[in-house]
Amino acid sequence: MGSRSIAEIAAYHNDVVDSLKSYFFGRRPGDLAARLEETDLRSAFFILTTLEAAFRVDYLCRCQKRKKDVVSRAFYVIYKSQKKNARLDEDIFETCKEKSSAPGPRLISELRGAFKLRHWLAHGRYWEPTLGRKYDFNFVYSLADDVFSAFELLEFD
């Protein structure tokens, strides 16, 4: 689910960038730069929403299938009180960080930072974000690729 979806998002992103460069060739470079920046943010946003969906599906899948690994058991404790309303950061990410054998702490920390960008974009950009670093499409794509490689995120059959 995840890696194929992010590859499709990357292909679309590259098509749009190429199209914009072709369209703005010989025109005002400032217009092109603004469109490329917006495209970069939108593509990063879609990668982050794909990551969020993958973690939420993994959580629900592990709980509904009553898997017996450490992460699944911890998720099921959360599921008993939260059901499908588990909080992404405090419940799902924190459990993955603490219980997963993947290089969780580093990746979860980077995900939390990137999700500040997702939050800002999803809520209309009406404040000045304090992100701690510049998040661009390439960074977010690379992070997503690392996450999908490191965590065994389950899917529904």
C-alpha atoms as a PDB file:
ATOM      1  CA  MET A   1       0.000   0.000   0.000  1.00  0.00           C
ATOM      2  CA  GLY A   2       2.403   2.650   1.216  1.00  0.00           C
ATOM      3  CA  SER A   3       5.438   2.431  -0.999  1.00  0.00           C
ATOM      4  CA  ARG A   4       3.412   1.963  -4.191  1.00  0.00           C
ATOM      5  CA  SER A   5       1.219   4.905  -3.285  1.00  0.00           C
ATOM      6  CA  ILE A   6       4.128   7.196  -2.536  1.00  0.00           C
ATOM      7  CA  ALA A   7       5.780   6.147  -5.800  1.00  0.00           C
ATOM      8  CA  GLU A   8       2.597   7.126  -7.639  1.00  0.00           C
ATOM      9  CA  ILE A   9       2.513  10.452  -5.809  1.00  0.00           C
ATOM     10  CA  ALA A  10       6.163  11.041  -6.747  1.00  0.00           C
ATOM     11  CA  ALA A  11       5.468  10.248 -10.404  1.00  0.00           C
ATOM     12  CA  TYR A  12       2.541  12.675 -10.418  1.00  0.00           C
ATOM     13  CA  HIS A  13       4.660  15.307  -8.637  1.00  0.00           C
ATOM     14  CA  ASN A  14       7.411  14.985 -11.253  1.00  0.00           C
ATOM     15  CA  ASP A  15       4.874  15.215 -14.097  1.00  0.00           C
ATOM     16  CA  VAL A  16       3.432  18.424 -12.642  1.00  0.00           C
ATOM     17  CA  VAL A  17       6.896  19.942 -12.102  1.00  0.00           C
ATOM     18  CA  ASP A  18       7.885  19.117 -15.690  1.00  0.00           C
ATOM     19  CA  SER A  19       4.605  20.549 -16.978  1.00  0.00           C
ATOM     20  CA  LEU A  20       5.032  23.757 -14.999  1.00  0.00           C
ATOM     21  CA  LYS A  21       8.586  24.219 -16.231  1.00  0.00           C
ATOM     22  CA  SER A  22       7.424  23.705 -19.803  1.00  0.00           C
ATOM     23  CA  TYR A  23       4.457  26.046 -19.420  1.00  0.00           C
ATOM     24  CA  PHE A  24       6.476  28.838 -17.777  1.00  0.00           C
ATOM     25  CA  PHE A  25       9.481  28.539 -20.092  1.00  0.00           C
ATOM     26  CA  GLY A  26      10.394  32.055 -21.190  1.00  0.00           C
ATOM     27  CA  ARG A  27       7.852  33.648 -18.861  1.00  0.00           C
ATOM     28  CA  ARG A  28       8.204  35.303 -15.473  1.00  0.00           C
ATOM     29  CA  PRO A  29      10.497  33.116 -13.333  1.00  0.00           C
ATOM     30  CA  GLY A  30       8.845  34.329 -10.124  1.00  0.00           C
ATOM     31  CA  ASP A  31       5.545  32.796 -11.212  1.00  0.00           C
ATOM     32  CA  LEU A  32       7.248  29.462 -11.869  1.00  0.00           C
ATOM     33  CA  ALA A  33       9.000  29.507  -8.499  1.00  0.00           C
ATOM     34  CA  ALA A  34       5.711  30.170  -6.677  1.00  0.00           C
ATOM     35  CA  ARG A  35       3.936  27.339  -8.536  1.00  0.00           C
ATOM     36  CA  LEU A  36       6.812  24.927  -7.881  1.00  0.00           C
ATOM     37  CA  GLU A  37       6.808  25.786  -4.179  1.00  0.00           C
ATOM     38  CA  GLU A  38       3.060  25.208  -3.964  1.00  0.00           C
ATOM     39  CA  THR A  39       3.369  21.921  -5.857  1.00  0.00           C
ATOM     40  CA  ASP A  40       6.136  20.836  -3.506  1.00  0.00           C
ATOM     41  CA  LEU A  41       3.964  21.525  -0.439  1.00  0.00           C
ATOM     42  CA  ARG A  42       0.929  19.788  -1.903  1.00  0.00           C
ATOM     43  CA  SER A  43       2.904  16.710  -2.869  1.00  0.00           C
ATOM     44  CA  ALA A  44       4.517  16.559   0.586  1.00  0.00           C
ATOM     45  CA  PHE A  45       1.041  16.852   2.110  1.00  0.00           C
ATOM     46  CA  PHE A  46      -0.226  13.883   0.077  1.00  0.00           C
ATOM     47  CA  ILE A  47       2.762  11.785   1.119  1.00  0.00           C
ATOM     48  CA  LEU A  48       2.039  12.628   4.764  1.00  0.00           C
ATOM     49  CA  THR A  49      -1.652  11.759   4.427  1.00  0.00           C
ATOM     50  CA  THR A  50      -0.630   8.436   2.894  1.00  0.00           C
ATOM     51  CA  LEU A  51       1.624   7.802   5.902  1.00  0.00           C
ATOM     52  CA  GLU A  52      -1.153   8.703   8.307  1.00  0.00           C
ATOM     53  CA  ALA A  53      -3.575   6.346   6.579  1.00  0.00           C
ATOM     54  CA  ALA A  54      -1.020   3.522   6.592  1.00  0.00           C
ATOM     55  CA  PHE A  55      -0.426   3.857  10.349  1.00  0.00           C
ATOM     56  CA  ARG A  56      -4.150   4.074  11.104  1.00  0.00           C
ATOM     57  CA  VAL A  57      -4.958   1.046   8.929  1.00  0.00           C
ATOM     58  CA  ASP A  58      -2.099  -0.865  10.561  1.00  0.00           C
ATOM     59  CA  TYR A  59      -3.481  -0.014  14.009  1.00  0.00           C
ATOM     60  CA  LEU A  60      -7.000  -1.155  13.128  1.00  0.00           C
ATOM     61  CA  CYS A  61      -5.800  -4.249  11.289  1.00  0.00           C
ATOM     62  CA  ARG A  62      -3.646  -5.395  14.220  1.00  0.00           C
ATOM     63  CA  CYS A  63      -6.537  -4.858  16.643  1.00  0.00           C
ATOM     64  CA  GLN A  64      -9.228  -6.495  14.543  1.00  0.00           C
ATOM     65  CA  LYS A  65      -7.054  -9.490  13.658  1.00  0.00           C
ATOM     66  CA  ARG A  66      -5.972  -9.759  17.327  1.00  0.00           C
ATOM     67  CA  LYS A  67      -2.333 -10.195  16.379  1.00  0.00           C
ATOM     68  CA  LYS A  68      -0.076 -11.388  19.199  1.00  0.00           C
ATOM     69  CA  ASP A  69       3.140  -9.389  18.658  1.00  0.00           C
ATOM     70  CA  VAL A  70       4.186  -6.709  21.161  1.00  0.00           C
ATOM     71  CA  VAL A  71       2.993  -3.742  19.056  1.00  0.00           C
ATOM     72  CA  SER A  72      -0.387  -5.354  18.373  1.00  0.00           C
ATOM     73  CA  ARG A  73      -0.956  -6.156  22.050  1.00  0.00           C
ATOM     74  CA  ALA A  74      -0.148  -2.558  22.996  1.00  0.00           C
ATOM     75  CA  PHE A  75      -2.488  -1.310  20.267  1.00  0.00           C
ATOM     76  CA  TYR A  76      -5.259  -3.555  21.552  1.00  0.00           C
ATOM     77  CA  VAL A  77      -5.003  -1.978  25.015  1.00  0.00           C
ATOM     78  CA  ILE A  78      -5.571   1.402  23.350  1.00  0.00           C
ATOM     79  CA  TYR A  79      -8.327  -0.037  21.147  1.00  0.00           C
ATOM     80  CA  LYS A  80     -10.344  -1.218  24.150  1.00  0.00           C
ATOM     81  CA  SER A  81     -10.931   2.394  25.213  1.00  0.00           C
ATOM     82  CA  GLN A  82     -10.392   4.424  22.029  1.00  0.00           C
ATOM     83  CA  LYS A  83     -11.683   2.047  19.332  1.00  0.00           C
ATOM     84  CA  LYS A  84     -10.967   3.618  15.929  1.00  0.00           C
ATOM     85  CA  ASN A  85     -10.383   7.042  17.533  1.00  0.00           C
ATOM     86  CA  ALA A  86      -6.812   6.399  18.652  1.00  0.00           C
ATOM     87  CA  ARG A  87      -4.683   9.531  18.490  1.00  0.00           C
ATOM     88  CA  LEU A  88      -2.039   9.335  15.788  1.00  0.00           C
ATOM     89  CA  ASP A  89       0.807  10.925  17.730  1.00  0.00           C
ATOM     90  CA  GLU A  90       0.171  10.064  21.371  1.00  0.00           C
ATOM     91  CA  ASP A  91      -1.225   6.557  20.843  1.00  0.00           C
ATOM     92  CA  ILE A  92      -0.070   5.103  17.526  1.00  0.00           C
ATOM     93  CA  PHE A  93       3.298   6.811  16.997  1.00  0.00           C
ATOM     94  CA  GLU A  94       4.233   6.525  20.668  1.00  0.00           C
ATOM     95  CA  THR A  95       3.433   2.808  20.716  1.00  0.00           C
ATOM     96  CA  CYS A  96       5.482   2.248  17.570  1.00  0.00           C
ATOM     97  CA  LYS A  97       8.340   4.203  19.088  1.00  0.00           C
ATOM     98  CA  GLU A  98       8.304   2.247  22.341  1.00  0.00           C
ATOM     99  CA  LYS A  99       7.358  -1.257  21.212  1.00  0.00           C
ATOM    100  CA  SER A 100       8.602  -1.701  17.654  1.00  0.00           C
ATOM    101  CA  SER A 101      11.920  -3.347  16.888  1.00  0.00           C
ATOM    102  CA  ALA A 102      12.313  -0.971  13.925  1.00  0.00           C
ATOM    103  CA  PRO A 103      14.585   2.068  14.325  1.00  0.00           C
ATOM    104  CA  GLY A 104      11.479   3.668  15.747  1.00  0.00           C
ATOM    105  CA  PRO A 105      12.637   6.500  17.979  1.00  0.00           C
ATOM    106  CA  ARG A 106      14.555   8.342  15.245  1.00  0.00           C
ATOM    107  CA  LEU A 107      11.919   7.818  12.555  1.00  0.00           C
ATOM    108  CA  ILE A 108       9.018   8.632  14.864  1.00  0.00           C
ATOM    109  CA  SER A 109      10.767  11.834  15.931  1.00  0.00           C
ATOM    110  CA  GLU A 110      11.217  12.831  12.287  1.00  0.00           C
ATOM    111  CA  LEU A 111       7.589  11.901  11.550  1.00  0.00           C
ATOM    112  CA  ARG A 112       6.353  14.067  14.393  1.00  0.00           C
ATOM    113  CA  GLY A 113       8.239  17.023  12.974  1.00  0.00           C
ATOM    114  CA  ALA A 114       6.914  16.400   9.472  1.00  0.00           C
ATOM    115  CA  PHE A 115       3.370  16.061  10.776  1.00  0.00           C
ATOM    116  CA  LYS A 116       3.586  19.633  12.052  1.00  0.00           C
ATOM    117  CA  LEU A 117       3.791  20.568   8.361  1.00  0.00           C
ATOM    118  CA  ARG A 118       0.779  18.338   7.593  1.00  0.00           C
ATOM    119  CA  HIS A 119      -1.174  19.954  10.420  1.00  0.00           C
ATOM    120  CA  TRP A 120      -0.321  23.443   9.194  1.00  0.00           C
ATOM    121  CA  LEU A 121      -1.298  22.620   5.604  1.00  0.00           C
ATOM    122  CA  ALA A 122      -4.487  20.790   6.582  1.00  0.00           C
ATOM    123  CA  HIS A 123      -5.694  23.644   8.751  1.00  0.00           C
ATOM    124  CA  GLY A 124      -5.410  26.431   6.233  1.00  0.00           C
ATOM    125  CA  ARG A 125      -1.949  27.855   6.887  1.00  0.00           C
ATOM    126  CA  TYR A 126      -3.377  30.676   8.965  1.00  0.00           C
ATOM    127  CA  TRP A 127      -0.432  30.817  11.366  1.00  0.00           C
ATOM    128  CA  GLU A 128       3.318  30.935  10.913  1.00  0.00           C
ATOM    129  CA  PRO A 129       4.548  27.385  11.535  1.00  0.00           C
ATOM    130  CA  THR A 130       7.546  26.606  13.722  1.00  0.00           C
ATOM    131  CA  LEU A 131       8.804  23.474  12.050  1.00  0.00           C
ATOM    132  CA  GLY A 132      12.411  23.379  13.175  1.00  0.00           C
ATOM    133  CA  ARG A 133      13.597  22.580   9.668  1.00  0.00           C
ATOM    134  CA  LYS A 134      12.542  22.990   6.062  1.00  0.00           C
ATOM    135  CA  TYR A 135      10.323  20.163   4.928  1.00  0.00           C
ATOM    136  CA  ASP A 136      10.178  19.746   1.199  1.00  0.00           C
ATOM    137  CA  PHE A 137       8.817  17.020  -1.024  1.00  0.00           C
ATOM    138  CA  ASN A 138      12.149  15.222  -1.350  1.00  0.00           C
ATOM    139  CA  PHE A 139      12.695  15.072   2.414  1.00  0.00           C
ATOM    140  CA  VAL A 140       9.135  13.909   3.108  1.00  0.00           C
ATOM    141  CA  TYR A 141       9.298  11.306   0.325  1.00  0.00           C
ATOM    142  CA  SER A 142      12.611   9.974   1.661  1.00  0.00           C
ATOM    143  CA  LEU A 143      11.225   9.869   5.200  1.00  0.00           C
ATOM    144  CA  ALA A 144       8.124   7.990   4.026  1.00  0.00           C
ATOM    145  CA  ASP A 145      10.257   5.523   2.108  1.00  0.00           C
ATOM    146  CA  ASP A 146      12.377   4.923   5.242  1.00  0.00           C
ATOM    147  CA  VAL A 147       9.258   4.473   7.371  1.00  0.00           C
ATOM    148  CA  PHE A 148       7.657   1.990   4.971  1.00  0.00           C
ATOM    149  CA  SER A 149      10.931   0.053   4.831  1.00  0.00           C
ATOM    150  CA  ALA A 150      11.443   0.026   8.611  1.00  0.00           C
ATOM    151  CA  PHE A 151       7.932  -0.656   9.925  1.00  0.00           C
ATOM    152  CA  GLU A 152       5.894  -3.681   8.980  1.00  0.00           C
ATOM    153  CA  LEU A 153       2.608  -1.878   8.510  1.00  0.00           C
ATOM    154  CA  LEU A 154      -0.264  -4.288   8.050  1.00  0.00           C
ATOM    155  CA  GLU A 155      -3.072  -3.899   5.538  1.00  0.00           C
ATOM    156  CA  PHE A 156      -6.541  -5.367   5.279  1.00  0.00           C
ATOM    157  CA  ASP A 157      -6.834  -8.328   2.953  1.00  0.00           C
END
